[in-house]
């Protein structure tokens, strides 16, 4: 027994994936009753299929095929299989994916991918990078590394029918990623107020984590920062980027040019209303508050370096260190 249709949701990162995946996980039974299997197999967290993505990335063929067999065992007559993981976007070699789909008997494969405008994506993804990893590049160094995304589109078109969409609140159905995805896939939409499941950190919390990364602070957990960002809006806020710097980046953006070929010119957002980082007015008190909330300890060196870090958060081709 195999699947007539397979839908792959591949992200991209920071396009409402966590909220969508939680909704899909919570509505597994409803989806199954409507002929769509959103399997538990390959989703070790019961939400998203990152386990499949990791096995494919590691070329762990036996693991991939074992998961595929488990998916087939879950099938109770559903003709459509739905898999979701933003980690799929990181796969360079898609032969393993194609082999898995063949093993599942996929007749029709649809690949759904939401993309964001260059600077919009960079502002969000940079904050996520600092939050989730131990890296600490300047914003400029991170932002100017983006190249054309056309090869990515080409790779995924070799897998199935690639359906692209811009991730922007004004363009999503009723401003909602879940409702928009349901409309694109024909899934029954059921409103659930899930909120932002994975906010990017911001404000002086972003400054704190960046210098924690640079100085090797231990004990600062992703979950503690996530809870702080959810509780206090200033700790999930974006940061100031001048319109002049934004225009300069966009004028030479091969990333945006490749998106425009597919979807037209994406909406252009301004970040001039946000506060510059570090926010010196509250930096010391914020550091003390963050230290207490996350049960970590900063020292005078970290605070001093943070006070002098304006260039880290400036967008300029002259600041690439």
C-alpha atoms as a PDB file:
ATOM      1  CA  UNK A   1       0.000   0.000   0.000  1.00  0.00           C
ATOM      2  CA  UNK A   2       1.568   3.260  -1.136  1.00  0.00           C
ATOM      3  CA  UNK A   3       0.643   6.919  -1.458  1.00  0.00           C
ATOM      4  CA  UNK A   4      -0.866   8.543  -4.509  1.00  0.00           C
ATOM      5  CA  UNK A   5       0.158  12.027  -3.359  1.00  0.00           C
ATOM      6  CA  UNK A   6       3.010  13.340  -1.239  1.00  0.00           C
ATOM      7  CA  UNK A   7       3.240  16.953  -0.067  1.00  0.00           C
ATOM      8  CA  UNK A   8       6.575  18.174   1.272  1.00  0.00           C
ATOM      9  CA  UNK A   9       6.621  21.397   3.286  1.00  0.00           C
ATOM     10  CA  UNK A  10      10.271  22.470   3.328  1.00  0.00           C
ATOM     11  CA  UNK A  11      10.115  25.846   5.107  1.00  0.00           C
ATOM     12  CA  UNK A  12      12.010  27.987   4.686  1.00  0.00           C
ATOM     13  CA  UNK A  13      13.311  28.854   8.129  1.00  0.00           C
ATOM     14  CA  UNK A  14      11.543  31.700   9.936  1.00  0.00           C
ATOM     15  CA  UNK A  15       8.359  31.499   7.891  1.00  0.00           C
ATOM     16  CA  UNK A  16       5.920  30.413  10.575  1.00  0.00           C
ATOM     17  CA  UNK A  17       7.043  26.796  10.404  1.00  0.00           C
ATOM     18  CA  UNK A  18       6.840  26.076  14.140  1.00  0.00           C
ATOM     19  CA  UNK A  19       3.272  27.349  14.455  1.00  0.00           C
ATOM     20  CA  UNK A  20       2.203  25.456  11.348  1.00  0.00           C
ATOM     21  CA  UNK A  21       3.831  22.225  12.495  1.00  0.00           C
ATOM     22  CA  UNK A  22       2.240  22.431  15.932  1.00  0.00           C
ATOM     23  CA  UNK A  23      -1.145  22.940  14.270  1.00  0.00           C
ATOM     24  CA  UNK A  24      -0.579  19.940  12.002  1.00  0.00           C
ATOM     25  CA  UNK A  25       0.484  17.806  14.954  1.00  0.00           C
ATOM     26  CA  UNK A  26      -2.552  18.798  17.005  1.00  0.00           C
ATOM     27  CA  UNK A  27      -4.887  18.071  14.079  1.00  0.00           C
ATOM     28  CA  UNK A  28      -3.399  14.724  13.067  1.00  0.00           C
ATOM     29  CA  UNK A  29      -6.665  12.821  13.527  1.00  0.00           C
ATOM     30  CA  UNK A  30      -8.718  15.367  11.580  1.00  0.00           C
ATOM     31  CA  UNK A  31      -6.207  15.247   8.744  1.00  0.00           C
ATOM     32  CA  UNK A  32      -6.299  11.451   8.739  1.00  0.00           C
ATOM     33  CA  UNK A  33     -10.099  11.494   8.550  1.00  0.00           C
ATOM     34  CA  UNK A  34      -9.740  13.725   5.485  1.00  0.00           C
ATOM     35  CA  UNK A  35      -7.370  11.367   3.706  1.00  0.00           C
ATOM     36  CA  UNK A  36      -4.074  12.970   4.763  1.00  0.00           C
ATOM     37  CA  UNK A  37      -1.462  11.188   6.872  1.00  0.00           C
ATOM     38  CA  UNK A  38       0.793  13.460   8.931  1.00  0.00           C
ATOM     39  CA  UNK A  39       2.900  10.654  10.356  1.00  0.00           C
ATOM     40  CA  UNK A  40       4.447  10.286  13.767  1.00  0.00           C
ATOM     41  CA  UNK A  41       7.243   8.290  12.173  1.00  0.00           C
ATOM     42  CA  UNK A  42      10.224  10.511  11.462  1.00  0.00           C
ATOM     43  CA  UNK A  43       8.975  13.132  13.935  1.00  0.00           C
ATOM     44  CA  UNK A  44      10.737  12.387  17.200  1.00  0.00           C
ATOM     45  CA  UNK A  45       9.117  15.460  18.762  1.00  0.00           C
ATOM     46  CA  UNK A  46       5.711  14.396  17.344  1.00  0.00           C
ATOM     47  CA  UNK A  47       5.515  17.766  15.593  1.00  0.00           C
ATOM     48  CA  UNK A  48       7.943  18.015  12.645  1.00  0.00           C
ATOM     49  CA  UNK A  49       9.878  15.528  10.548  1.00  0.00           C
ATOM     50  CA  UNK A  50      13.365  16.688  11.437  1.00  0.00           C
ATOM     51  CA  UNK A  51      14.436  13.077  12.022  1.00  0.00           C
ATOM     52  CA  UNK A  52      13.900  12.340   8.329  1.00  0.00           C
ATOM     53  CA  UNK A  53      15.830  15.449   7.318  1.00  0.00           C
ATOM     54  CA  UNK A  54      18.754  14.535   9.564  1.00  0.00           C
ATOM     55  CA  UNK A  55      18.888  10.953   8.266  1.00  0.00           C
ATOM     56  CA  UNK A  56      18.863  12.235   4.687  1.00  0.00           C
ATOM     57  CA  UNK A  57      21.584  14.770   5.475  1.00  0.00           C
ATOM     58  CA  UNK A  58      23.760  12.013   6.943  1.00  0.00           C
ATOM     59  CA  UNK A  59      23.079   9.726   3.948  1.00  0.00           C
ATOM     60  CA  UNK A  60      21.830   7.159   6.451  1.00  0.00           C
ATOM     61  CA  UNK A  61      19.979   5.112   3.836  1.00  0.00           C
ATOM     62  CA  UNK A  62      18.955   2.294   6.172  1.00  0.00           C
ATOM     63  CA  UNK A  63      17.500   4.755   8.674  1.00  0.00           C
ATOM     64  CA  UNK A  64      15.605   6.587   5.934  1.00  0.00           C
ATOM     65  CA  UNK A  65      14.106   3.392   4.565  1.00  0.00           C
ATOM     66  CA  UNK A  66      13.213   2.180   8.056  1.00  0.00           C
ATOM     67  CA  UNK A  67      11.301   5.413   8.644  1.00  0.00           C
ATOM     68  CA  UNK A  68       9.610   5.025   5.258  1.00  0.00           C
ATOM     69  CA  UNK A  69       8.489   1.520   6.228  1.00  0.00           C
ATOM     70  CA  UNK A  70       7.126   2.819   9.527  1.00  0.00           C
ATOM     71  CA  UNK A  71       5.206   5.524   7.649  1.00  0.00           C
ATOM     72  CA  UNK A  72       3.640   2.894   5.414  1.00  0.00           C
ATOM     73  CA  UNK A  73       2.589   0.950   8.514  1.00  0.00           C
ATOM     74  CA  UNK A  74       0.835   4.056   9.875  1.00  0.00           C
ATOM     75  CA  UNK A  75      -1.236   4.404   6.720  1.00  0.00           C
ATOM     76  CA  UNK A  76      -4.916   3.599   7.190  1.00  0.00           C
ATOM     77  CA  UNK A  77      -6.152   4.135   3.661  1.00  0.00           C
ATOM     78  CA  UNK A  78      -5.012   7.750   3.331  1.00  0.00           C
ATOM     79  CA  UNK A  79      -3.959   8.607  -0.215  1.00  0.00           C
ATOM     80  CA  UNK A  80      -1.932  11.705   0.703  1.00  0.00           C
ATOM     81  CA  UNK A  81       1.209  11.868   2.810  1.00  0.00           C
ATOM     82  CA  UNK A  82       2.263  15.209   4.315  1.00  0.00           C
ATOM     83  CA  UNK A  83       5.781  15.761   5.662  1.00  0.00           C
ATOM     84  CA  UNK A  84       7.061  19.011   7.156  1.00  0.00           C
ATOM     85  CA  UNK A  85      10.538  20.096   8.202  1.00  0.00           C
ATOM     86  CA  UNK A  86      12.357  23.341   7.540  1.00  0.00           C
ATOM     87  CA  UNK A  87      15.531  21.263   7.836  1.00  0.00           C
ATOM     88  CA  UNK A  88      14.686  19.811   4.418  1.00  0.00           C
ATOM     89  CA  UNK A  89      15.888  23.127   2.988  1.00  0.00           C
ATOM     90  CA  UNK A  90      19.451  22.302   4.064  1.00  0.00           C
ATOM     91  CA  UNK A  91      19.691  19.193   1.894  1.00  0.00           C
ATOM     92  CA  UNK A  92      22.189  19.690  -0.916  1.00  0.00           C
ATOM     93  CA  UNK A  93      21.854  16.194  -2.384  1.00  0.00           C
ATOM     94  CA  UNK A  94      18.232  15.208  -2.983  1.00  0.00           C
ATOM     95  CA  UNK A  95      18.852  11.696  -4.314  1.00  0.00           C
ATOM     96  CA  UNK A  96      18.053  10.222  -0.903  1.00  0.00           C
ATOM     97  CA  UNK A  97      14.771  12.119  -0.828  1.00  0.00           C
ATOM     98  CA  UNK A  98      13.893  10.863  -4.298  1.00  0.00           C
ATOM     99  CA  UNK A  99      14.685   7.279  -3.304  1.00  0.00           C
ATOM    100  CA  UNK A 100      12.522   7.566  -0.201  1.00  0.00           C
ATOM    101  CA  UNK A 101       9.628   8.958  -2.226  1.00  0.00           C
ATOM    102  CA  UNK A 102       9.991   6.121  -4.720  1.00  0.00           C
ATOM    103  CA  UNK A 103       9.896   3.612  -1.858  1.00  0.00           C
ATOM    104  CA  UNK A 104       6.696   5.252  -0.621  1.00  0.00           C
ATOM    105  CA  UNK A 105       5.212   4.852  -4.091  1.00  0.00           C
ATOM    106  CA  UNK A 106       4.609   8.572  -4.534  1.00  0.00           C
ATOM    107  CA  UNK A 107       2.847   9.230  -7.832  1.00  0.00           C
ATOM    108  CA  UNK A 108       2.449  12.998  -7.430  1.00  0.00           C
ATOM    109  CA  UNK A 109       4.877  15.058  -5.372  1.00  0.00           C
ATOM    110  CA  UNK A 110       4.190  18.664  -4.392  1.00  0.00           C
ATOM    111  CA  UNK A 111       6.856  20.770  -2.686  1.00  0.00           C
ATOM    112  CA  UNK A 112       5.647  23.846  -0.797  1.00  0.00           C
ATOM    113  CA  UNK A 113       8.130  26.527   0.156  1.00  0.00           C
ATOM    114  CA  UNK A 114       7.608  29.979   1.668  1.00  0.00           C
ATOM    115  CA  UNK A 115      10.351  32.550   1.088  1.00  0.00           C
ATOM    116  CA  UNK A 116      11.052  36.003   2.513  1.00  0.00           C
ATOM    117  CA  UNK A 117      12.623  39.130   1.096  1.00  0.00           C
ATOM    118  CA  UNK A 118      16.403  39.260   1.636  1.00  0.00           C
ATOM    119  CA  UNK A 119      16.584  41.782   4.476  1.00  0.00           C
ATOM    120  CA  UNK A 120      13.342  40.629   6.094  1.00  0.00           C
ATOM    121  CA  UNK A 121      14.721  37.084   6.190  1.00  0.00           C
ATOM    122  CA  UNK A 122      18.174  38.178   7.336  1.00  0.00           C
ATOM    123  CA  UNK A 123      16.929  40.234  10.292  1.00  0.00           C
ATOM    124  CA  UNK A 124      14.874  37.302  11.574  1.00  0.00           C
ATOM    125  CA  UNK A 125      17.342  34.524  10.744  1.00  0.00           C
ATOM    126  CA  UNK A 126      20.304  36.398  12.249  1.00  0.00           C
ATOM    127  CA  UNK A 127      18.502  36.668  15.565  1.00  0.00           C
ATOM    128  CA  UNK A 128      17.645  32.975  15.392  1.00  0.00           C
ATOM    129  CA  UNK A 129      21.260  32.059  14.572  1.00  0.00           C
ATOM    130  CA  UNK A 130      22.601  33.892  17.614  1.00  0.00           C
ATOM    131  CA  UNK A 131      19.820  32.418  19.773  1.00  0.00           C
ATOM    132  CA  UNK A 132      20.191  28.792  18.708  1.00  0.00           C
ATOM    133  CA  UNK A 133      23.933  28.484  18.121  1.00  0.00           C
ATOM    134  CA  UNK A 134      27.265  29.644  19.533  1.00  0.00           C
ATOM    135  CA  UNK A 135      28.072  31.813  16.516  1.00  0.00           C
ATOM    136  CA  UNK A 136      28.393  35.591  16.804  1.00  0.00           C
ATOM    137  CA  UNK A 137      29.020  37.246  13.421  1.00  0.00           C
ATOM    138  CA  UNK A 138      28.315  40.895  12.812  1.00  0.00           C
ATOM    139  CA  UNK A 139      24.935  41.489  11.215  1.00  0.00           C
ATOM    140  CA  UNK A 140      26.620  42.819   8.077  1.00  0.00           C
ATOM    141  CA  UNK A 141      28.798  39.735   7.694  1.00  0.00           C
ATOM    142  CA  UNK A 142      25.719  37.549   8.020  1.00  0.00           C
ATOM    143  CA  UNK A 143      23.529  39.646   5.736  1.00  0.00           C
ATOM    144  CA  UNK A 144      25.966  39.999   2.842  1.00  0.00           C
ATOM    145  CA  UNK A 145      26.511  36.240   2.557  1.00  0.00           C
ATOM    146  CA  UNK A 146      23.139  35.723   0.850  1.00  0.00           C
ATOM    147  CA  UNK A 147      23.361  34.749  -2.814  1.00  0.00           C
ATOM    148  CA  UNK A 148      20.899  33.777  -5.525  1.00  0.00           C
ATOM    149  CA  UNK A 149      18.379  31.190  -4.396  1.00  0.00           C
ATOM    150  CA  UNK A 150      17.693  30.045  -7.962  1.00  0.00           C
ATOM    151  CA  UNK A 151      19.843  26.868  -7.636  1.00  0.00           C
ATOM    152  CA  UNK A 152      17.781  25.908  -4.579  1.00  0.00           C
ATOM    153  CA  UNK A 153      14.576  26.241  -6.591  1.00  0.00           C
ATOM    154  CA  UNK A 154      16.067  24.185  -9.408  1.00  0.00           C
ATOM    155  CA  UNK A 155      17.090  21.358  -7.068  1.00  0.00           C
ATOM    156  CA  UNK A 156      13.637  21.050  -5.561  1.00  0.00           C
ATOM    157  CA  UNK A 157      11.942  21.143  -8.942  1.00  0.00           C
ATOM    158  CA  UNK A 158      13.761  17.887  -9.651  1.00  0.00           C
ATOM    159  CA  UNK A 159      11.800  16.367  -6.747  1.00  0.00           C
ATOM    160  CA  UNK A 160       8.287  17.528  -7.583  1.00  0.00           C
ATOM    161  CA  UNK A 161       5.968  20.398  -8.412  1.00  0.00           C
ATOM    162  CA  UNK A 162       7.520  23.326  -6.542  1.00  0.00           C
ATOM    163  CA  UNK A 163       4.933  25.793  -5.257  1.00  0.00           C
ATOM    164  CA  UNK A 164       6.511  28.996  -3.988  1.00  0.00           C
ATOM    165  CA  UNK A 165       4.890  31.724  -1.911  1.00  0.00           C
ATOM    166  CA  UNK A 166       6.080  34.909  -0.252  1.00  0.00           C
ATOM    167  CA  UNK A 167       5.954  34.878   3.524  1.00  0.00           C
ATOM    168  CA  UNK A 168       4.548  38.286   4.375  1.00  0.00           C
ATOM    169  CA  UNK A 169       1.550  38.983   6.595  1.00  0.00           C
ATOM    170  CA  UNK A 170      -0.079  41.162   3.956  1.00  0.00           C
ATOM    171  CA  UNK A 171       0.066  38.330   1.409  1.00  0.00           C
ATOM    172  CA  UNK A 172      -0.994  35.364   3.553  1.00  0.00           C
ATOM    173  CA  UNK A 173      -4.673  34.433   3.656  1.00  0.00           C
ATOM    174  CA  UNK A 174      -6.094  36.543   6.492  1.00  0.00           C
ATOM    175  CA  UNK A 175      -2.495  37.207   7.525  1.00  0.00           C
ATOM    176  CA  UNK A 176      -2.188  33.646   8.834  1.00  0.00           C
ATOM    177  CA  UNK A 177       0.381  31.053   7.738  1.00  0.00           C
ATOM    178  CA  UNK A 178      -1.795  28.129   8.841  1.00  0.00           C
ATOM    179  CA  UNK A 179      -4.884  29.272   6.971  1.00  0.00           C
ATOM    180  CA  UNK A 180      -2.755  30.082   3.929  1.00  0.00           C
ATOM    181  CA  UNK A 181      -1.135  26.634   3.944  1.00  0.00           C
ATOM    182  CA  UNK A 182      -4.509  24.932   4.328  1.00  0.00           C
ATOM    183  CA  UNK A 183      -5.864  26.813   1.326  1.00  0.00           C
ATOM    184  CA  UNK A 184      -2.849  25.832  -0.776  1.00  0.00           C
ATOM    185  CA  UNK A 185      -3.088  22.162   0.170  1.00  0.00           C
ATOM    186  CA  UNK A 186      -6.858  21.770   0.435  1.00  0.00           C
ATOM    187  CA  UNK A 187      -6.679  20.867   4.118  1.00  0.00           C
ATOM    188  CA  UNK A 188      -9.640  21.614   6.404  1.00  0.00           C
ATOM    189  CA  UNK A 189      -8.773  24.758   8.367  1.00  0.00           C
ATOM    190  CA  UNK A 190      -9.582  24.865  12.063  1.00  0.00           C
ATOM    191  CA  UNK A 191      -8.669  28.036  13.932  1.00  0.00           C
ATOM    192  CA  UNK A 192      -6.437  27.542  16.940  1.00  0.00           C
ATOM    193  CA  UNK A 193      -4.747  30.432  18.724  1.00  0.00           C
ATOM    194  CA  UNK A 194      -1.223  29.067  18.933  1.00  0.00           C
ATOM    195  CA  UNK A 195       0.650  32.370  18.828  1.00  0.00           C
ATOM    196  CA  UNK A 196       4.302  32.595  17.843  1.00  0.00           C
ATOM    197  CA  UNK A 197       5.794  29.266  18.834  1.00  0.00           C
ATOM    198  CA  UNK A 198       9.385  30.221  18.077  1.00  0.00           C
ATOM    199  CA  UNK A 199      10.053  33.957  18.450  1.00  0.00           C
ATOM    200  CA  UNK A 200      13.423  35.325  17.419  1.00  0.00           C
ATOM    201  CA  UNK A 201      15.138  37.001  20.342  1.00  0.00           C
ATOM    202  CA  UNK A 202      15.747  40.729  20.131  1.00  0.00           C
ATOM    203  CA  UNK A 203      16.601  43.881  22.028  1.00  0.00           C
ATOM    204  CA  UNK A 204      19.313  43.623  24.635  1.00  0.00           C
ATOM    205  CA  UNK A 205      18.593  39.904  25.018  1.00  0.00           C
ATOM    206  CA  UNK A 206      20.122  39.496  21.551  1.00  0.00           C
ATOM    207  CA  UNK A 207      23.128  41.553  22.674  1.00  0.00           C
ATOM    208  CA  UNK A 208      23.455  39.424  25.816  1.00  0.00           C
ATOM    209  CA  UNK A 209      23.399  36.157  23.880  1.00  0.00           C
ATOM    210  CA  UNK A 210      25.815  37.376  21.209  1.00  0.00           C
ATOM    211  CA  UNK A 211      28.438  38.238  23.811  1.00  0.00           C
ATOM    212  CA  UNK A 212      27.665  35.083  25.765  1.00  0.00           C
ATOM    213  CA  UNK A 213      28.574  33.270  22.540  1.00  0.00           C
ATOM    214  CA  UNK A 214      31.758  35.266  22.045  1.00  0.00           C
ATOM    215  CA  UNK A 215      32.951  34.799  25.617  1.00  0.00           C
ATOM    216  CA  UNK A 216      31.930  31.153  25.984  1.00  0.00           C
ATOM    217  CA  UNK A 217      29.296  31.576  28.701  1.00  0.00           C
ATOM    218  CA  UNK A 218      27.852  28.265  29.847  1.00  0.00           C
ATOM    219  CA  UNK A 219      24.347  27.471  31.052  1.00  0.00           C
ATOM    220  CA  UNK A 220      22.383  29.927  28.904  1.00  0.00           C
ATOM    221  CA  UNK A 221      19.646  27.715  27.477  1.00  0.00           C
ATOM    222  CA  UNK A 222      17.509  28.152  24.378  1.00  0.00           C
ATOM    223  CA  UNK A 223      14.367  27.490  26.400  1.00  0.00           C
ATOM    224  CA  UNK A 224      15.137  30.143  29.022  1.00  0.00           C
ATOM    225  CA  UNK A 225      15.673  32.800  26.357  1.00  0.00           C
ATOM    226  CA  UNK A 226      12.573  31.681  24.488  1.00  0.00           C
ATOM    227  CA  UNK A 227      10.433  32.059  27.603  1.00  0.00           C
ATOM    228  CA  UNK A 228      11.889  35.493  28.289  1.00  0.00           C
ATOM    229  CA  UNK A 229      11.219  36.604  24.704  1.00  0.00           C
ATOM    230  CA  UNK A 230       7.643  35.326  24.879  1.00  0.00           C
ATOM    231  CA  UNK A 231       7.042  37.124  28.171  1.00  0.00           C
ATOM    232  CA  UNK A 232       8.596  40.499  27.333  1.00  0.00           C
ATOM    233  CA  UNK A 233       8.033  42.110  23.901  1.00  0.00           C
ATOM    234  CA  UNK A 234      11.235  44.167  24.010  1.00  0.00           C
ATOM    235  CA  UNK A 235      13.212  40.923  24.082  1.00  0.00           C
ATOM    236  CA  UNK A 236      11.675  39.702  20.825  1.00  0.00           C
ATOM    237  CA  UNK A 237      11.834  43.000  18.956  1.00  0.00           C
ATOM    238  CA  UNK A 238      13.816  43.543  15.766  1.00  0.00           C
ATOM    239  CA  UNK A 239      16.520  46.208  15.631  1.00  0.00           C
ATOM    240  CA  UNK A 240      17.176  49.420  13.714  1.00  0.00           C
ATOM    241  CA  UNK A 241      18.393  49.266  10.124  1.00  0.00           C
ATOM    242  CA  UNK A 242      18.534  52.538   8.213  1.00  0.00           C
ATOM    243  CA  UNK A 243      16.427  52.824   5.075  1.00  0.00           C
ATOM    244  CA  UNK A 244      19.537  53.990   3.222  1.00  0.00           C
ATOM    245  CA  UNK A 245      21.491  50.867   4.159  1.00  0.00           C
ATOM    246  CA  UNK A 246      18.492  48.677   3.343  1.00  0.00           C
ATOM    247  CA  UNK A 247      18.130  50.247  -0.100  1.00  0.00           C
ATOM    248  CA  UNK A 248      21.830  49.753  -0.811  1.00  0.00           C
ATOM    249  CA  UNK A 249      21.674  46.071   0.096  1.00  0.00           C
ATOM    250  CA  UNK A 250      18.527  45.484  -1.922  1.00  0.00           C
ATOM    251  CA  UNK A 251      19.858  47.261  -5.001  1.00  0.00           C
ATOM    252  CA  UNK A 252      22.539  44.586  -5.360  1.00  0.00           C
ATOM    253  CA  UNK A 253      20.708  41.583  -3.921  1.00  0.00           C
ATOM    254  CA  UNK A 254      20.939  38.501  -6.132  1.00  0.00           C
ATOM    255  CA  UNK A 255      18.773  36.776  -3.532  1.00  0.00           C
ATOM    256  CA  UNK A 256      15.908  39.208  -4.109  1.00  0.00           C
ATOM    257  CA  UNK A 257      16.435  39.127  -7.859  1.00  0.00           C
ATOM    258  CA  UNK A 258      15.979  35.346  -7.926  1.00  0.00           C
ATOM    259  CA  UNK A 259      12.779  35.636  -5.867  1.00  0.00           C
ATOM    260  CA  UNK A 260      11.462  38.407  -8.103  1.00  0.00           C
ATOM    261  CA  UNK A 261      11.846  36.168 -11.168  1.00  0.00           C
ATOM    262  CA  UNK A 262       9.535  33.626  -9.519  1.00  0.00           C
ATOM    263  CA  UNK A 263       7.079  35.721  -7.537  1.00  0.00           C
ATOM    264  CA  UNK A 264       7.484  39.347  -8.478  1.00  0.00           C
ATOM    265  CA  UNK A 265       8.938  42.078  -6.298  1.00  0.00           C
ATOM    266  CA  UNK A 266       8.462  41.195  -2.621  1.00  0.00           C
ATOM    267  CA  UNK A 267       7.109  43.823  -0.215  1.00  0.00           C
ATOM    268  CA  UNK A 268       9.904  45.940   1.246  1.00  0.00           C
ATOM    269  CA  UNK A 269       9.821  46.518   4.982  1.00  0.00           C
ATOM    270  CA  UNK A 270      11.464  49.338   6.936  1.00  0.00           C
ATOM    271  CA  UNK A 271      13.268  48.830  10.247  1.00  0.00           C
ATOM    272  CA  UNK A 272      13.842  52.482  11.083  1.00  0.00           C
ATOM    273  CA  UNK A 273      11.138  52.437  13.777  1.00  0.00           C
ATOM    274  CA  UNK A 274      13.079  49.949  15.902  1.00  0.00           C
ATOM    275  CA  UNK A 275      15.689  50.829  18.511  1.00  0.00           C
ATOM    276  CA  UNK A 276      19.389  50.671  17.767  1.00  0.00           C
ATOM    277  CA  UNK A 277      21.431  47.968  19.440  1.00  0.00           C
ATOM    278  CA  UNK A 278      22.808  47.896  21.969  1.00  0.00           C
ATOM    279  CA  UNK A 279      20.071  49.905  23.680  1.00  0.00           C
ATOM    280  CA  UNK A 280      22.364  51.795  26.028  1.00  0.00           C
ATOM    281  CA  UNK A 281      19.530  53.397  27.999  1.00  0.00           C
ATOM    282  CA  UNK A 282      18.591  50.066  29.537  1.00  0.00           C
ATOM    283  CA  UNK A 283      21.594  47.851  28.780  1.00  0.00           C
ATOM    284  CA  UNK A 284      22.900  47.392  32.311  1.00  0.00           C
ATOM    285  CA  UNK A 285      19.482  46.896  33.915  1.00  0.00           C
ATOM    286  CA  UNK A 286      18.459  44.546  31.096  1.00  0.00           C
ATOM    287  CA  UNK A 287      21.623  42.494  31.561  1.00  0.00           C
ATOM    288  CA  UNK A 288      20.884  42.185  35.275  1.00  0.00           C
ATOM    289  CA  UNK A 289      17.297  41.149  34.543  1.00  0.00           C
ATOM    290  CA  UNK A 290      18.351  38.622  31.883  1.00  0.00           C
ATOM    291  CA  UNK A 291      21.036  37.240  34.191  1.00  0.00           C
ATOM    292  CA  UNK A 292      18.487  36.640  36.939  1.00  0.00           C
ATOM    293  CA  UNK A 293      15.809  35.230  34.611  1.00  0.00           C
ATOM    294  CA  UNK A 294      18.182  32.809  32.871  1.00  0.00           C
ATOM    295  CA  UNK A 295      20.249  31.952  35.966  1.00  0.00           C
ATOM    296  CA  UNK A 296      23.479  32.968  34.284  1.00  0.00           C
ATOM    297  CA  UNK A 297      26.142  35.459  35.302  1.00  0.00           C
ATOM    298  CA  UNK A 298      27.763  38.147  33.159  1.00  0.00           C
ATOM    299  CA  UNK A 299      30.966  39.937  34.123  1.00  0.00           C
ATOM    300  CA  UNK A 300      32.331  43.440  33.639  1.00  0.00           C
ATOM    301  CA  UNK A 301      34.213  42.416  30.489  1.00  0.00           C
ATOM    302  CA  UNK A 302      31.004  41.239  28.822  1.00  0.00           C
ATOM    303  CA  UNK A 303      29.136  44.405  29.781  1.00  0.00           C
ATOM    304  CA  UNK A 304      31.972  46.647  28.586  1.00  0.00           C
ATOM    305  CA  UNK A 305      32.238  44.880  25.233  1.00  0.00           C
ATOM    306  CA  UNK A 306      28.457  45.033  24.818  1.00  0.00           C
ATOM    307  CA  UNK A 307      28.430  48.791  25.454  1.00  0.00           C
ATOM    308  CA  UNK A 308      30.893  49.249  22.571  1.00  0.00           C
ATOM    309  CA  UNK A 309      29.180  46.909  20.124  1.00  0.00           C
ATOM    310  CA  UNK A 310      27.206  49.328  17.944  1.00  0.00           C
ATOM    311  CA  UNK A 311      29.108  48.293  14.814  1.00  0.00           C
ATOM    312  CA  UNK A 312      28.108  44.660  15.302  1.00  0.00           C
ATOM    313  CA  UNK A 313      24.470  45.508  14.567  1.00  0.00           C
ATOM    314  CA  UNK A 314      25.007  48.066  11.785  1.00  0.00           C
ATOM    315  CA  UNK A 315      24.271  47.122   8.176  1.00  0.00           C
ATOM    316  CA  UNK A 316      27.187  48.243   6.020  1.00  0.00           C
ATOM    317  CA  UNK A 317      29.534  46.552   3.513  1.00  0.00           C
ATOM    318  CA  UNK A 318      32.362  48.191   5.480  1.00  0.00           C
ATOM    319  CA  UNK A 319      31.530  46.164   8.600  1.00  0.00           C
ATOM    320  CA  UNK A 320      32.149  42.555   7.606  1.00  0.00           C
ATOM    321  CA  UNK A 321      34.279  41.337  10.510  1.00  0.00           C
END
